Amino acid sequence: MTDRAGAVDAHHHVWDLSVRDQDWLTGRALAPLRRNFTVEELAPQARAAGVSRTVLVQTVTVAEETPELLALARGSDLIGAVVGWTDLTRPDVADELARLRELPGGRHLKGVRHQVQGEPDPEWLLRDDVRRGLAAVADAGLVYDLVVLPHQLPVCARAAERHPELTFVLDHLGKPPVAAGEPHAWAAAVRALAALPNTVCKLSGLVTQADPLSWTVEDLAPCADTVLEAFGPARLMFGSDWPVCTLAARYADVVDVARELVGGLGERERQEVFADTAARVYGL
């Protein structure tokens, strides 16, 4: 995947529908994802692509999921870090983060995420109770992953500015409107976020933001170029977004596309995007 072994996939999921439903998997478009996806299924695909470590990311806002993900990481030689979920608004959030880190596999907890994209309050990240939670995440030495829509990016920048002690990781480039072909407002907002030094971006999720049946590398390149210029290789990291990516491409294809999108970089810069940034941010 890179010119050296040991690449990192900084964003993927797993789920078992016999354990709990993934209530976001609704509609015909997402029907192919309504089955179990396991580490055992991912592992051979990842290793064939040169990936030796991954970051496992939460999918549902259910407290029981994070301990399960930590236990998976404990038993896996592939998963190097977990981005879990906890209620940032609970008064004892600091104690809860400490409890999670004492669980089996707790040392793998490196970040926290919330489905901000689904919050009706456009300034959810700026609420006093959420800000207390973000401060607790920073105090715990963890990072905060942002899963947001383009119109929420300005609020993300305000939150990052108010919490300079916390690293904010933008998932999926902030979901640019690739299929709509109108990325100008997104590009301006993502550049403003990138201007803050405590922000990082994942080169992930692009194939599912494009037309899943007819996308081309040329469709994705403008958005990839924007974040590469805005964040630079040292603050950009590859993520597959498996298994969601399978709606539009195989794992191997997603890896190959990412390689092509940063093909103009030098060897050292490619190593940052495909390994070093994630290793540093998530403490791998």
Protein backbone atom coordinates (compact mmCIF):
# COMPACT_ATOMS: atom_id res chain seq x y z
CA MET A 1 0.00 0.00 0.00
CA THR A 2 2.87 2.32 0.76
CA ASP A 3 6.44 1.93 -0.28
CA ARG A 4 7.03 0.32 3.10
CA ALA A 5 5.09 -2.33 4.97
CA GLY A 6 2.88 -1.54 7.92
CA ALA A 7 0.12 0.67 6.57
CA VAL A 8 -2.74 1.78 8.82
CA ASP A 9 -6.44 1.82 8.00
CA ALA A 10 -7.63 4.61 10.27
CA HIS A 11 -11.37 4.02 9.93
CA HIS A 12 -13.48 0.90 9.74
CA HIS A 13 -16.42 -0.74 11.50
CA VAL A 14 -17.69 -4.17 12.45
CA TRP A 15 -21.10 -5.29 13.66
CA ASP A 16 -23.07 -8.38 14.57
CA LEU A 17 -26.81 -8.05 14.01
CA SER A 18 -27.47 -10.93 16.41
CA VAL A 19 -26.00 -8.79 19.20
CA ARG A 20 -27.83 -5.57 18.29
CA ASP A 21 -29.52 -3.93 15.38
CA GLN A 22 -27.84 -1.19 13.42
CA ASP A 23 -30.86 1.09 13.30
CA TRP A 24 -29.30 3.39 10.72
CA LEU A 25 -29.33 0.64 8.10
CA THR A 26 -32.64 1.56 6.55
CA GLY A 27 -33.83 1.72 2.95
CA ARG A 28 -32.97 -0.20 -0.18
CA ALA A 29 -29.63 1.54 -0.77
CA LEU A 30 -28.20 0.22 2.51
CA ALA A 31 -29.71 -3.25 2.24
CA PRO A 32 -26.38 -4.90 1.29
CA LEU A 33 -25.03 -3.86 4.70
CA ARG A 34 -27.74 -5.65 6.64
CA ARG A 35 -25.59 -8.62 7.55
CA ASN A 36 -22.76 -9.32 9.97
CA PHE A 37 -19.34 -7.85 9.24
CA THR A 38 -16.47 -9.22 11.33
CA VAL A 39 -12.78 -8.68 11.91
CA GLU A 40 -12.22 -12.17 10.53
CA GLU A 41 -13.74 -11.10 7.22
CA LEU A 42 -11.76 -7.88 7.07
CA ALA A 43 -8.37 -9.23 8.13
CA PRO A 44 -7.32 -11.08 4.96
CA GLN A 45 -8.44 -8.19 2.77
CA ALA A 46 -6.54 -5.69 4.88
CA ARG A 47 -3.35 -7.72 4.96
CA ALA A 48 -3.51 -8.34 1.21
CA ALA A 49 -3.56 -4.55 0.82
CA GLY A 50 -0.52 -4.08 3.08
CA VAL A 51 -2.50 -2.92 6.11
CA SER A 52 -1.07 -4.18 9.40
CA ARG A 53 -3.04 -2.05 11.89
CA THR A 54 -6.51 -0.53 11.97
CA VAL A 55 -8.67 1.87 13.93
CA LEU A 56 -12.08 0.42 14.81
CA VAL A 57 -14.82 3.07 15.05
CA GLN A 58 -18.20 3.03 16.78
CA THR A 59 -21.44 2.87 14.80
CA VAL A 60 -24.31 3.31 17.27
CA THR A 61 -24.93 5.52 20.29
CA VAL A 62 -25.28 2.59 22.66
CA ALA A 63 -23.15 2.43 25.79
CA GLU A 64 -22.68 -1.35 25.54
CA GLU A 65 -20.97 -1.16 22.14
CA THR A 66 -17.68 0.41 23.26
CA PRO A 67 -16.75 -2.34 25.76
CA GLU A 68 -17.46 -4.88 23.02
CA LEU A 69 -15.18 -3.07 20.58
CA LEU A 70 -12.44 -2.89 23.21
CA ALA A 71 -12.72 -6.61 23.83
CA LEU A 72 -12.44 -7.24 20.08
CA ALA A 73 -9.31 -5.11 19.95
CA ARG A 74 -7.82 -7.00 22.88
CA GLY A 75 -8.17 -10.27 20.97
CA SER A 76 -7.00 -8.98 17.60
CA ASP A 77 -3.54 -8.48 16.20
CA LEU A 78 -5.04 -6.20 13.54
CA ILE A 79 -6.98 -3.61 15.57
CA GLY A 80 -4.61 -1.11 17.11
CA ALA A 81 -7.07 1.48 18.42
CA VAL A 82 -10.76 2.02 19.14
CA VAL A 83 -12.83 5.16 18.74
CA GLY A 84 -15.76 4.52 21.03
CA TRP A 85 -18.85 6.33 22.24
CA THR A 86 -19.98 7.66 25.57
CA ASP A 87 -22.51 10.30 26.49
CA LEU A 88 -20.48 13.50 26.61
CA THR A 89 -23.29 15.28 28.43
CA ARG A 90 -23.33 13.03 31.51
CA PRO A 91 -21.96 14.82 34.60
CA ASP A 92 -19.57 11.96 35.39
CA VAL A 93 -18.16 11.60 31.88
CA ALA A 94 -14.57 11.75 33.17
CA ASP A 95 -15.25 8.82 35.50
CA GLU A 96 -16.92 6.90 32.68
CA LEU A 97 -13.92 7.38 30.39
CA ALA A 98 -11.66 6.14 33.18
CA ARG A 99 -13.91 3.11 33.67
CA LEU A 100 -13.80 2.24 30.00
CA ARG A 101 -10.02 2.33 30.05
CA GLU A 102 -9.96 -0.15 32.92
CA LEU A 103 -12.02 -2.71 31.01
CA PRO A 104 -10.48 -5.63 29.09
CA GLY A 105 -8.89 -4.03 26.06
CA GLY A 106 -9.31 -0.59 27.59
CA ARG A 107 -5.81 0.48 26.65
CA HIS A 108 -7.00 0.47 23.03
CA LEU A 109 -9.46 3.31 23.65
CA LYS A 110 -7.88 6.26 21.84
CA GLY A 111 -10.84 8.40 20.85
CA VAL A 112 -14.51 9.20 21.24
CA ARG A 113 -17.15 9.89 18.59
CA HIS A 114 -20.77 11.00 18.54
CA GLN A 115 -23.19 11.07 15.61
CA VAL A 116 -23.24 14.86 15.44
CA GLN A 117 -24.56 14.61 11.88
CA GLY A 118 -27.88 13.45 13.33
CA GLU A 119 -28.24 16.13 16.03
CA PRO A 120 -31.09 18.59 15.38
CA ASP A 121 -29.30 21.33 17.32
CA PRO A 122 -26.96 22.98 14.78
CA GLU A 123 -24.69 24.13 17.62
CA TRP A 124 -24.66 20.89 19.60
CA LEU A 125 -20.86 20.90 19.85
CA LEU A 126 -20.97 24.32 21.52
CA ARG A 127 -23.45 23.44 24.27
CA ASP A 128 -22.06 23.86 27.79
CA ASP A 129 -22.65 20.22 28.73
CA VAL A 130 -21.01 18.98 25.54
CA ARG A 131 -18.05 21.30 26.05
CA ARG A 132 -17.54 19.84 29.53
CA GLY A 133 -17.49 16.43 27.89
CA LEU A 134 -14.99 17.51 25.25
CA ALA A 135 -12.74 18.89 27.99
CA ALA A 136 -12.91 15.52 29.75
CA VAL A 137 -11.94 13.76 26.52
CA ALA A 138 -8.90 16.02 26.25
CA ASP A 139 -8.00 15.51 29.92
CA ALA A 140 -8.10 11.75 29.35
CA GLY A 141 -5.55 12.08 26.54
CA LEU A 142 -8.06 10.98 23.91
CA VAL A 143 -8.99 12.51 20.56
CA TYR A 144 -12.44 13.42 19.27
CA ASP A 145 -13.68 12.17 15.90
CA LEU A 146 -16.12 14.41 14.04
CA VAL A 147 -18.81 12.74 11.94
CA VAL A 148 -20.64 15.72 10.49
CA LEU A 149 -22.27 17.10 7.36
CA PRO A 150 -20.84 20.03 5.38
CA HIS A 151 -23.17 22.62 6.89
CA GLN A 152 -21.89 21.68 10.37
CA LEU A 153 -18.23 22.33 9.56
CA PRO A 154 -18.23 25.99 10.72
CA VAL A 155 -19.44 24.91 14.16
CA CYS A 156 -16.70 22.26 14.22
CA ALA A 157 -14.15 25.01 13.64
CA ARG A 158 -15.59 27.04 16.49
CA ALA A 159 -15.44 24.01 18.79
CA ALA A 160 -11.85 23.25 17.81
CA GLU A 161 -10.91 26.87 18.42
CA ARG A 162 -12.46 26.75 21.90
CA HIS A 163 -10.66 23.50 22.76
CA PRO A 164 -7.08 23.95 21.56
CA GLU A 165 -5.98 21.18 23.95
CA LEU A 166 -8.08 18.59 22.09
CA THR A 167 -7.31 16.99 18.73
CA PHE A 168 -10.36 16.92 16.44
CA VAL A 169 -10.34 14.30 13.67
CA LEU A 170 -12.63 14.99 10.72
CA ASP A 171 -14.13 11.73 9.44
CA HIS A 172 -14.81 11.29 5.71
CA LEU A 173 -13.62 14.81 4.80
CA GLY A 174 -16.84 16.17 6.31
CA LYS A 175 -18.87 14.31 3.66
CA PRO A 176 -18.39 16.62 0.65
CA PRO A 177 -21.22 16.62 -1.93
CA VAL A 178 -19.26 14.70 -4.56
CA ALA A 179 -22.31 13.36 -6.38
CA ALA A 180 -23.97 16.79 -6.45
CA GLY A 181 -20.83 18.33 -7.90
CA GLU A 182 -21.09 21.48 -5.81
CA PRO A 183 -18.20 21.36 -3.31
CA HIS A 184 -17.43 25.08 -3.10
CA ALA A 185 -19.10 25.84 0.24
CA TRP A 186 -17.71 22.60 1.67
CA ALA A 187 -14.20 23.46 0.47
CA ALA A 188 -14.25 26.89 2.11
CA ALA A 189 -15.51 25.44 5.39
CA VAL A 190 -12.99 22.60 5.42
CA ARG A 191 -10.13 25.03 4.78
CA ALA A 192 -11.27 27.13 7.75
CA LEU A 193 -11.26 24.02 9.95
CA ALA A 194 -7.83 22.98 8.68
CA ALA A 195 -6.43 26.40 9.57
CA LEU A 196 -6.62 25.32 13.22
CA PRO A 197 -3.54 23.30 14.22
CA ASN A 198 -5.46 20.85 16.44
CA THR A 199 -7.40 19.37 13.51
CA VAL A 200 -6.73 16.27 11.43
CA CYS A 201 -8.65 14.75 8.51
CA LYS A 202 -9.37 11.23 7.32
CA LEU A 203 -9.13 10.50 3.61
CA SER A 204 -12.11 8.18 3.84
CA GLY A 205 -15.68 7.79 2.72
CA LEU A 206 -15.30 9.41 -0.68
CA VAL A 207 -16.53 6.53 -2.81
CA THR A 208 -19.89 6.52 -1.04
CA GLN A 209 -20.26 10.30 -1.35
CA ALA A 210 -20.01 9.91 -5.12
CA ASP A 211 -22.38 8.06 -7.44
CA PRO A 212 -21.95 4.47 -6.17
CA LEU A 213 -22.47 2.96 -9.62
CA SER A 214 -20.51 5.28 -11.87
CA TRP A 215 -17.88 7.12 -9.81
CA THR A 216 -14.39 7.67 -11.17
CA VAL A 217 -11.13 8.72 -9.58
CA GLU A 218 -11.51 12.01 -11.43
CA ASP A 219 -14.78 12.61 -9.55
CA LEU A 220 -13.00 12.22 -6.20
CA ALA A 221 -9.78 14.05 -6.98
CA PRO A 222 -10.93 17.65 -6.38
CA CYS A 223 -12.06 16.89 -2.83
CA ALA A 224 -8.93 14.86 -2.09
CA ASP A 225 -6.77 17.67 -3.46
CA THR A 226 -8.60 20.19 -1.27
CA VAL A 227 -7.93 18.36 2.00
CA LEU A 228 -4.39 17.48 0.98
CA GLU A 229 -3.65 21.15 0.39
CA ALA A 230 -5.54 22.32 3.47
CA PHE A 231 -4.28 19.82 6.05
CA GLY A 232 -1.06 18.58 4.45
CA PRO A 233 0.14 14.96 4.58
CA ALA A 234 1.15 15.22 8.25
CA ARG A 235 -2.50 15.85 9.20
CA LEU A 236 -4.16 13.50 6.72
CA MET A 237 -4.73 9.77 7.19
CA PHE A 238 -6.18 7.00 5.04
CA GLY A 239 -9.33 5.19 6.15
CA SER A 240 -11.30 2.58 4.24
CA ASP A 241 -14.71 3.07 5.91
CA TRP A 242 -15.21 -0.68 5.50
CA PRO A 243 -17.80 -2.15 5.26
CA VAL A 244 -19.76 0.95 4.25
CA CYS A 245 -17.36 1.38 1.34
CA THR A 246 -18.55 -1.94 -0.10
CA LEU A 247 -21.67 -0.16 -1.33
CA ALA A 248 -19.45 1.37 -4.00
CA ALA A 249 -16.15 -0.53 -4.10
CA ARG A 250 -14.20 -3.50 -2.80
CA TYR A 251 -11.69 -2.98 -0.01
CA ALA A 252 -8.79 -3.43 -2.42
CA ASP A 253 -10.30 -0.86 -4.80
CA VAL A 254 -10.63 1.72 -2.01
CA VAL A 255 -6.97 1.24 -1.16
CA ASP A 256 -5.92 1.55 -4.79
CA VAL A 257 -8.01 4.70 -5.27
CA ALA A 258 -6.44 6.33 -2.21
CA ARG A 259 -2.99 5.51 -3.56
CA GLU A 260 -3.90 7.12 -6.85
CA LEU A 261 -5.37 10.21 -5.22
CA VAL A 262 -2.07 10.95 -3.45
CA GLY A 263 0.12 9.61 -6.22
CA GLY A 264 1.80 12.96 -6.72
CA LEU A 265 3.31 12.94 -3.24
CA GLY A 266 6.81 11.82 -2.42
CA GLU A 267 7.53 8.59 -0.60
CA ARG A 268 7.85 10.24 2.81
CA GLU A 269 4.56 12.13 2.40
CA ARG A 270 2.72 9.00 1.30
CA GLN A 271 4.04 7.24 4.40
CA GLU A 272 2.48 9.98 6.52
CA VAL A 273 -0.94 9.61 4.88
CA PHE A 274 -0.94 5.81 4.96
CA ALA A 275 0.67 5.19 8.33
CA ASP A 276 2.44 7.85 10.33
CA THR A 277 -0.36 10.36 10.87
CA ALA A 278 -2.73 7.68 12.20
CA ALA A 279 0.00 6.13 14.33
CA ARG A 280 0.73 9.47 15.92
CA VAL A 281 -2.86 10.64 16.41
CA TYR A 282 -4.15 7.33 17.78
CA GLY A 283 -1.01 6.33 19.65
CA LEU A 284 -0.48 3.07 17.77
